[in-house]
């Protein structure tokens, strides 16, 4: 299975080829429509088995109209709402010209595709006022490998996906809405636990994508990052067991807008400046490094003040020899530490490995691979 994350600037377009079949998920904007068609032709595409429009915003849909005109399309999957744009009407007409109808499969619906399959993850409901929240999200699976594409789905849609009961764990995640802060919630990352994230956005785009909040989360969880704004078109190949790439991850976690301080940083500074104590310093603010140092210092003082804690006799019962692991409320894996790179430390709890396994948790590939 070959997955191409096309460089369509500030937009999204993903080509998938597997077992003689082809899928195109979104097609970028008008300005890159000809590039998308040309790219598919260079990949010897003549037929598109599944054309998926996540939603009807121009930067995702426009290029699909070009694909409908240039290739023989067998199935069109889209979101079940209407958009008040001429481009949407052009899309409907292009689908009709192929003698096709737009399919709106329910969440959980599975389709066979090439050497693997894909499953519909969203939308669970339709929001008449927000096109992004109506994005069709899918999980693409090939053997032990899997990819999740969410279009411009935002945190409310991510919450619905987490509540669906569908296994969301994946190797590769395309963060929603080009890395916008309105998507890629902690809970969603806990459920998906990806090893790689591919962000599709335009260089120096006017929206400041990707957002600092998102990049900070990815970095804290040690998720390796690819970015089309820096690396161009990115290609991943899955043999069902491993995924190989046409280039190394850039692992650039800087936001699209240099002035973006992130809401978490601002919140922490506000709380710090409003609290009493010496850790705020003379200015009432401190950097994240300073706060980490303050926390460390506070911990050292506490230990010094209560040496009996460190001198307490160790438990020699049989339970002290039992292996302990870390779990989270929303994840399906257990980890050997609370910050292995795939967990949010603030939501992790420690239990015995045997207890974790009895609850149905599986070992994290990164921790126990």
Protein backbone atom coordinates (compact mmCIF):
# COMPACT_ATOMS: atom_id res chain seq x y z
CA UNK A 1 0.00 0.00 0.00
CA UNK A 2 1.50 3.30 -1.13
CA UNK A 3 0.24 6.52 0.46
CA UNK A 4 1.14 9.87 -1.15
CA UNK A 5 0.61 13.04 0.90
CA UNK A 6 0.57 15.59 -1.91
CA UNK A 7 2.00 19.05 -1.49
CA UNK A 8 -1.05 21.12 -2.40
CA UNK A 9 -0.09 24.17 -0.37
CA UNK A 10 -2.74 25.27 2.11
CA UNK A 11 -5.00 22.30 1.47
CA UNK A 12 -5.15 18.52 1.65
CA UNK A 13 -4.91 15.73 -0.91
CA UNK A 14 -3.91 12.11 -0.30
CA UNK A 15 -3.48 9.45 -2.98
CA UNK A 16 -3.51 5.77 -1.98
CA UNK A 17 -2.57 2.88 -4.27
CA UNK A 18 -2.94 -0.74 -3.22
CA UNK A 19 -3.45 -4.06 -4.94
CA UNK A 20 -4.32 -2.45 -8.26
CA UNK A 21 -6.88 -0.07 -6.72
CA UNK A 22 -6.72 3.69 -6.22
CA UNK A 23 -8.20 6.09 -3.67
CA UNK A 24 -8.04 9.87 -3.64
CA UNK A 25 -8.94 11.54 -0.34
CA UNK A 26 -9.51 15.26 -0.97
CA UNK A 27 -7.99 17.13 -3.88
CA UNK A 28 -6.61 20.46 -2.72
CA UNK A 29 -7.70 23.88 -3.98
CA UNK A 30 -8.30 25.25 -7.49
CA UNK A 31 -4.74 26.45 -7.83
CA UNK A 32 -3.35 22.93 -7.39
CA UNK A 33 -6.05 20.96 -9.22
CA UNK A 34 -3.94 20.53 -12.36
CA UNK A 35 -0.98 19.41 -10.23
CA UNK A 36 -3.10 16.72 -8.56
CA UNK A 37 -4.37 15.38 -11.91
CA UNK A 38 -0.87 15.44 -13.37
CA UNK A 39 0.57 13.68 -10.32
CA UNK A 40 -1.99 10.87 -10.58
CA UNK A 41 -1.32 10.48 -14.28
CA UNK A 42 2.42 10.14 -13.56
CA UNK A 43 1.54 7.37 -11.13
CA UNK A 44 -0.23 5.59 -14.04
CA UNK A 45 -3.66 6.14 -12.51
CA UNK A 46 -6.50 5.65 -14.99
CA UNK A 47 -9.30 4.62 -12.62
CA UNK A 48 -10.18 5.92 -9.18
CA UNK A 49 -12.00 3.25 -7.18
CA UNK A 50 -12.84 5.55 -4.28
CA UNK A 51 -12.99 9.33 -4.49
CA UNK A 52 -13.56 10.74 -1.00
CA UNK A 53 -14.48 14.35 -0.32
CA UNK A 54 -14.04 14.95 3.42
CA UNK A 55 -16.16 18.10 3.20
CA UNK A 56 -16.97 20.86 0.73
CA UNK A 57 -14.47 23.61 1.52
CA UNK A 58 -12.50 24.67 -1.55
CA UNK A 59 -9.05 23.71 -0.24
CA UNK A 60 -10.19 20.09 0.02
CA UNK A 61 -12.72 19.67 -2.77
CA UNK A 62 -11.73 21.75 -5.80
CA UNK A 63 -9.09 19.32 -7.07
CA UNK A 64 -11.57 16.45 -6.92
CA UNK A 65 -13.60 18.09 -9.68
CA UNK A 66 -10.53 17.88 -11.90
CA UNK A 67 -10.14 14.20 -10.97
CA UNK A 68 -13.77 13.50 -11.87
CA UNK A 69 -13.15 15.03 -15.28
CA UNK A 70 -9.84 13.27 -15.95
CA UNK A 71 -10.38 9.75 -14.61
CA UNK A 72 -12.93 6.96 -14.55
CA UNK A 73 -14.37 7.07 -11.03
CA UNK A 74 -16.27 4.14 -9.55
CA UNK A 75 -17.37 5.38 -6.10
CA UNK A 76 -17.81 8.82 -4.55
CA UNK A 77 -17.99 9.11 -0.76
CA UNK A 78 -18.84 12.46 0.79
CA UNK A 79 -20.50 14.15 3.73
CA UNK A 80 -24.29 14.36 3.89
CA UNK A 81 -24.84 18.11 3.88
CA UNK A 82 -25.11 20.91 1.34
CA UNK A 83 -22.72 23.79 0.83
CA UNK A 84 -23.72 27.26 -0.40
CA UNK A 85 -21.02 27.64 -3.03
CA UNK A 86 -20.80 27.45 -6.81
CA UNK A 87 -17.90 25.03 -6.37
CA UNK A 88 -20.19 22.62 -4.53
CA UNK A 89 -22.65 22.78 -7.42
CA UNK A 90 -19.79 22.08 -9.84
CA UNK A 91 -18.81 19.04 -7.76
CA UNK A 92 -22.37 17.69 -7.79
CA UNK A 93 -22.52 18.16 -11.56
CA UNK A 94 -19.18 16.43 -12.10
CA UNK A 95 -20.40 13.44 -10.05
CA UNK A 96 -23.64 13.32 -12.05
CA UNK A 97 -21.72 13.51 -15.35
CA UNK A 98 -20.02 10.24 -14.38
CA UNK A 99 -23.43 8.68 -13.75
CA UNK A 100 -22.66 8.39 -10.04
CA UNK A 101 -24.42 9.27 -6.80
CA UNK A 102 -22.69 10.53 -3.69
CA UNK A 103 -22.56 7.91 -0.95
CA UNK A 104 -22.83 8.92 2.72
CA UNK A 105 -21.89 5.77 4.67
CA UNK A 106 -22.56 5.61 8.39
CA UNK A 107 -19.84 5.58 11.02
CA UNK A 108 -18.42 2.08 11.33
CA UNK A 109 -19.02 1.10 7.69
CA UNK A 110 -16.07 -0.87 6.29
CA UNK A 111 -14.87 -1.14 2.69
CA UNK A 112 -12.41 -3.58 1.17
CA UNK A 113 -9.59 -1.75 -0.59
CA UNK A 114 -6.57 -3.25 -2.34
CA UNK A 115 -4.58 -5.37 0.09
CA UNK A 116 -6.40 -3.82 3.03
CA UNK A 117 -9.55 -1.93 3.96
CA UNK A 118 -10.85 1.35 5.31
CA UNK A 119 -13.51 2.24 7.85
CA UNK A 120 -15.65 5.36 8.27
CA UNK A 121 -14.93 7.14 11.58
CA UNK A 122 -16.92 10.38 11.19
CA UNK A 123 -19.12 12.37 11.03
CA UNK A 124 -21.49 10.90 13.61
CA UNK A 125 -23.81 13.91 13.24
CA UNK A 126 -24.17 16.84 10.84
CA UNK A 127 -23.68 20.42 11.99
CA UNK A 128 -25.61 22.80 9.72
CA UNK A 129 -23.43 25.74 10.77
CA UNK A 130 -19.91 24.32 10.56
CA UNK A 131 -18.62 22.57 7.46
CA UNK A 132 -15.42 21.42 9.17
CA UNK A 133 -17.29 19.42 11.80
CA UNK A 134 -18.96 17.44 8.99
CA UNK A 135 -15.68 16.05 7.67
CA UNK A 136 -15.60 12.39 6.63
CA UNK A 137 -12.79 10.73 8.59
CA UNK A 138 -11.43 7.29 7.76
CA UNK A 139 -9.05 4.69 9.16
CA UNK A 140 -7.07 2.98 6.40
CA UNK A 141 -5.63 -0.42 7.34
CA UNK A 142 -3.05 -2.63 5.65
CA UNK A 143 -2.10 -5.66 7.72
CA UNK A 144 -0.66 -4.36 10.99
CA UNK A 145 -0.27 -0.81 9.65
CA UNK A 146 -2.93 1.87 9.73
CA UNK A 147 -3.45 5.53 8.80
CA UNK A 148 -6.12 8.00 9.93
CA UNK A 149 -7.30 10.94 7.80
CA UNK A 150 -9.75 13.41 9.36
CA UNK A 151 -10.07 16.29 6.88
CA UNK A 152 -10.90 19.41 8.90
CA UNK A 153 -12.62 17.51 11.73
CA UNK A 154 -12.35 19.39 15.00
CA UNK A 155 -12.29 18.40 18.67
CA UNK A 156 -16.05 17.77 18.93
CA UNK A 157 -15.88 15.29 16.08
CA UNK A 158 -12.75 13.75 17.61
CA UNK A 159 -14.67 13.26 20.87
CA UNK A 160 -17.42 11.45 18.99
CA UNK A 161 -14.81 9.21 17.34
CA UNK A 162 -13.32 8.39 20.73
CA UNK A 163 -16.80 7.51 22.04
CA UNK A 164 -17.65 5.33 19.02
CA UNK A 165 -15.95 2.22 20.36
CA UNK A 166 -13.90 1.87 17.16
CA UNK A 167 -10.21 1.09 17.62
CA UNK A 168 -8.52 4.37 16.71
CA UNK A 169 -4.91 3.30 17.24
CA UNK A 170 -2.79 4.00 14.18
CA UNK A 171 0.76 4.35 12.92
CA UNK A 172 0.19 7.55 10.94
CA UNK A 173 -2.17 10.42 11.74
CA UNK A 174 -2.90 13.44 9.58
CA UNK A 175 -3.76 16.08 12.22
CA UNK A 176 -7.12 17.67 11.50
CA UNK A 177 -7.56 21.10 9.91
CA UNK A 178 -3.90 21.43 8.85
CA UNK A 179 -2.68 21.40 12.45
CA UNK A 180 -5.18 23.97 13.73
CA UNK A 181 -5.52 24.35 17.51
CA UNK A 182 -9.23 23.48 17.18
CA UNK A 183 -8.28 19.87 16.43
CA UNK A 184 -5.85 17.19 17.66
CA UNK A 185 -7.09 17.07 21.25
CA UNK A 186 -5.23 15.23 24.00
CA UNK A 187 -7.96 12.60 24.17
CA UNK A 188 -7.78 11.96 20.44
CA UNK A 189 -4.00 11.60 20.58
CA UNK A 190 -4.40 9.22 23.53
CA UNK A 191 -6.76 7.09 21.45
CA UNK A 192 -4.77 7.15 18.22
CA UNK A 193 -1.22 6.95 19.69
CA UNK A 194 0.45 7.50 16.28
CA UNK A 195 4.15 7.08 15.66
CA UNK A 196 4.06 9.62 12.83
CA UNK A 197 2.05 12.76 12.07
CA UNK A 198 1.86 14.25 8.57
CA UNK A 199 0.78 17.89 8.50
CA UNK A 200 -0.51 19.27 5.21
CA UNK A 201 -0.35 23.05 5.07
CA UNK A 202 1.03 25.88 2.96
CA UNK A 203 4.36 27.55 3.60
CA UNK A 204 3.88 30.83 5.49
CA UNK A 205 0.10 30.41 5.27
CA UNK A 206 -2.11 33.24 6.51
CA UNK A 207 -3.76 31.07 9.17
CA UNK A 208 -0.56 30.33 11.09
CA UNK A 209 -0.98 26.57 10.66
CA UNK A 210 0.22 24.45 12.32
CA UNK A 211 -0.61 25.85 15.77
CA UNK A 212 1.81 25.83 18.67
CA UNK A 213 -0.67 23.92 20.87
CA UNK A 214 -0.71 21.03 18.42
CA UNK A 215 3.02 21.00 17.82
CA UNK A 216 3.72 21.06 21.55
CA UNK A 217 1.47 18.01 22.02
CA UNK A 218 3.17 16.11 19.22
CA UNK A 219 6.60 16.94 20.59
CA UNK A 220 5.69 16.01 24.17
CA UNK A 221 4.44 12.62 22.96
CA UNK A 222 7.55 12.09 20.83
CA UNK A 223 5.48 11.73 17.65
CA UNK A 224 7.69 12.10 14.59
CA UNK A 225 6.55 14.84 12.24
CA UNK A 226 6.41 15.29 8.48
CA UNK A 227 5.30 18.63 6.99
CA UNK A 228 4.38 19.32 3.38
CA UNK A 229 5.14 23.03 3.84
CA UNK A 230 8.77 22.13 4.46
CA UNK A 231 9.24 18.78 2.71
CA UNK A 232 6.89 18.84 -0.26
CA UNK A 233 5.09 15.66 -1.27
CA UNK A 234 5.68 12.82 1.19
CA UNK A 235 5.29 9.13 0.33
CA UNK A 236 4.86 6.21 2.73
CA UNK A 237 4.85 2.54 1.73
CA UNK A 238 3.30 -0.15 3.95
CA UNK A 239 4.09 -3.84 3.45
CA UNK A 240 1.58 -4.75 6.15
CA UNK A 241 4.21 -4.89 8.88
CA UNK A 242 6.50 -1.89 8.47
CA UNK A 243 6.19 1.55 6.91
CA UNK A 244 9.01 3.06 4.87
CA UNK A 245 9.20 6.68 3.74
CA UNK A 246 10.72 8.54 0.80
CA UNK A 247 12.46 10.88 3.25
CA UNK A 248 13.26 11.30 6.91
CA UNK A 249 10.83 13.19 9.19
CA UNK A 250 11.72 16.86 9.62
CA UNK A 251 10.61 16.82 13.28
CA UNK A 252 10.16 20.58 13.14
CA UNK A 253 7.73 21.35 15.96
CA UNK A 254 7.73 25.12 15.46
CA UNK A 255 4.32 26.72 14.76
CA UNK A 256 3.42 28.23 11.42
CA UNK A 257 3.27 31.66 13.03
CA UNK A 258 6.35 32.65 15.05
CA UNK A 259 4.27 34.89 17.32
CA UNK A 260 2.00 31.97 18.31
CA UNK A 261 2.57 31.49 22.05
CA UNK A 262 -0.03 28.75 22.44
CA UNK A 263 -3.02 28.78 24.77
CA UNK A 264 -1.40 26.32 27.19
CA UNK A 265 1.63 28.55 27.70
CA UNK A 266 -0.56 31.62 28.19
CA UNK A 267 -2.81 29.75 30.62
CA UNK A 268 0.15 28.50 32.65
CA UNK A 269 1.67 31.98 32.85
CA UNK A 270 -1.68 33.49 33.89
CA UNK A 271 -2.16 30.91 36.64
CA UNK A 272 1.44 31.32 37.77
CA UNK A 273 1.29 35.11 37.93
CA UNK A 274 -1.99 35.07 39.90
CA UNK A 275 -0.79 32.57 42.51
CA UNK A 276 1.14 33.47 45.65
CA UNK A 277 4.66 32.24 46.40
CA UNK A 278 8.20 32.91 45.30
CA UNK A 279 8.18 30.93 42.06
CA UNK A 280 6.61 33.78 40.07
CA UNK A 281 9.74 35.90 40.43
CA UNK A 282 9.77 39.69 40.45
CA UNK A 283 7.98 39.96 37.13
CA UNK A 284 5.14 37.62 38.12
CA UNK A 285 5.90 35.41 35.09
CA UNK A 286 8.31 32.63 34.31
CA UNK A 287 9.31 30.57 31.31
CA UNK A 288 8.40 26.89 31.05
CA UNK A 289 12.04 26.05 31.84
CA UNK A 290 11.92 28.25 34.94
CA UNK A 291 8.69 26.66 36.08
CA UNK A 292 10.18 23.21 35.59
CA UNK A 293 13.17 24.25 37.65
CA UNK A 294 10.92 25.70 40.35
CA UNK A 295 8.93 22.45 40.45
CA UNK A 296 12.13 20.47 40.76
CA UNK A 297 13.40 22.73 43.50
CA UNK A 298 10.13 22.48 45.36
CA UNK A 299 10.34 18.72 45.19
CA UNK A 300 13.88 18.72 46.56
CA UNK A 301 12.88 20.93 49.48
CA UNK A 302 10.01 18.62 50.33
CA UNK A 303 12.22 15.55 50.36
CA UNK A 304 14.80 17.28 52.54
CA UNK A 305 12.10 18.29 54.98
CA UNK A 306 10.75 14.75 55.27
CA UNK A 307 13.78 12.43 55.11
CA UNK A 308 11.81 9.67 56.77
CA UNK A 309 10.04 9.08 53.44
CA UNK A 310 13.25 8.11 51.68
CA UNK A 311 14.41 6.07 54.66
CA UNK A 312 11.21 4.04 54.99
CA UNK A 313 11.75 0.28 54.76
CA UNK A 314 10.96 -1.26 51.41
CA UNK A 315 8.02 -3.59 50.98
CA UNK A 316 9.33 -7.14 50.80
CA UNK A 317 6.00 -8.78 49.97
CA UNK A 318 5.47 -10.59 46.71
CA UNK A 319 3.62 -7.64 45.19
CA UNK A 320 6.79 -5.53 45.31
CA UNK A 321 8.30 -7.77 42.64
CA UNK A 322 5.32 -7.46 40.31
CA UNK A 323 5.93 -5.44 37.16
CA UNK A 324 4.11 -2.10 37.16
CA UNK A 325 2.91 -0.33 34.02
CA UNK A 326 1.11 2.89 33.11
CA UNK A 327 -2.31 3.25 31.48
CA UNK A 328 -4.61 6.12 30.51
CA UNK A 329 -8.37 6.39 30.63
CA UNK A 330 -8.84 6.55 26.86
CA UNK A 331 -5.94 4.51 25.48
CA UNK A 332 -5.87 0.76 24.76
CA UNK A 333 -2.18 0.17 25.51
CA UNK A 334 -0.07 -0.10 28.64
CA UNK A 335 3.34 1.60 28.89
CA UNK A 336 6.54 1.13 30.88
CA UNK A 337 6.58 4.80 31.91
CA UNK A 338 4.07 7.63 32.13
CA UNK A 339 5.71 9.69 29.40
CA UNK A 340 6.87 7.15 26.86
CA UNK A 341 6.01 9.62 24.13
CA UNK A 342 2.54 8.21 23.50
CA UNK A 343 0.87 9.19 26.76
CA UNK A 344 -0.21 12.40 28.43
CA UNK A 345 1.58 12.12 31.82
CA UNK A 346 -1.13 14.14 33.57
CA UNK A 347 -3.73 11.47 32.73
CA UNK A 348 -1.65 8.34 33.32
CA UNK A 349 -2.06 5.98 36.28
CA UNK A 350 0.10 3.08 37.44
CA UNK A 351 -1.18 -0.47 37.90
CA UNK A 352 0.33 -3.94 37.71
CA UNK A 353 0.99 -5.43 34.30
CA UNK A 354 -1.18 -8.44 35.11
CA UNK A 355 -4.06 -6.14 36.05
CA UNK A 356 -3.62 -4.15 32.83
CA UNK A 357 -3.72 -7.32 30.75
CA UNK A 358 -6.76 -8.61 32.62
CA UNK A 359 -8.54 -5.38 31.64
CA UNK A 360 -7.75 -5.97 27.98
CA UNK A 361 -4.86 -3.54 27.57
CA UNK A 362 -2.12 -4.47 25.11
CA UNK A 363 1.58 -3.56 25.31
CA UNK A 364 2.66 -0.29 23.65
CA UNK A 365 4.83 -1.11 20.63
CA UNK A 366 7.23 1.65 21.49
CA UNK A 367 7.68 0.58 25.13
CA UNK A 368 7.71 -3.18 24.65
CA UNK A 369 8.70 -3.56 20.98
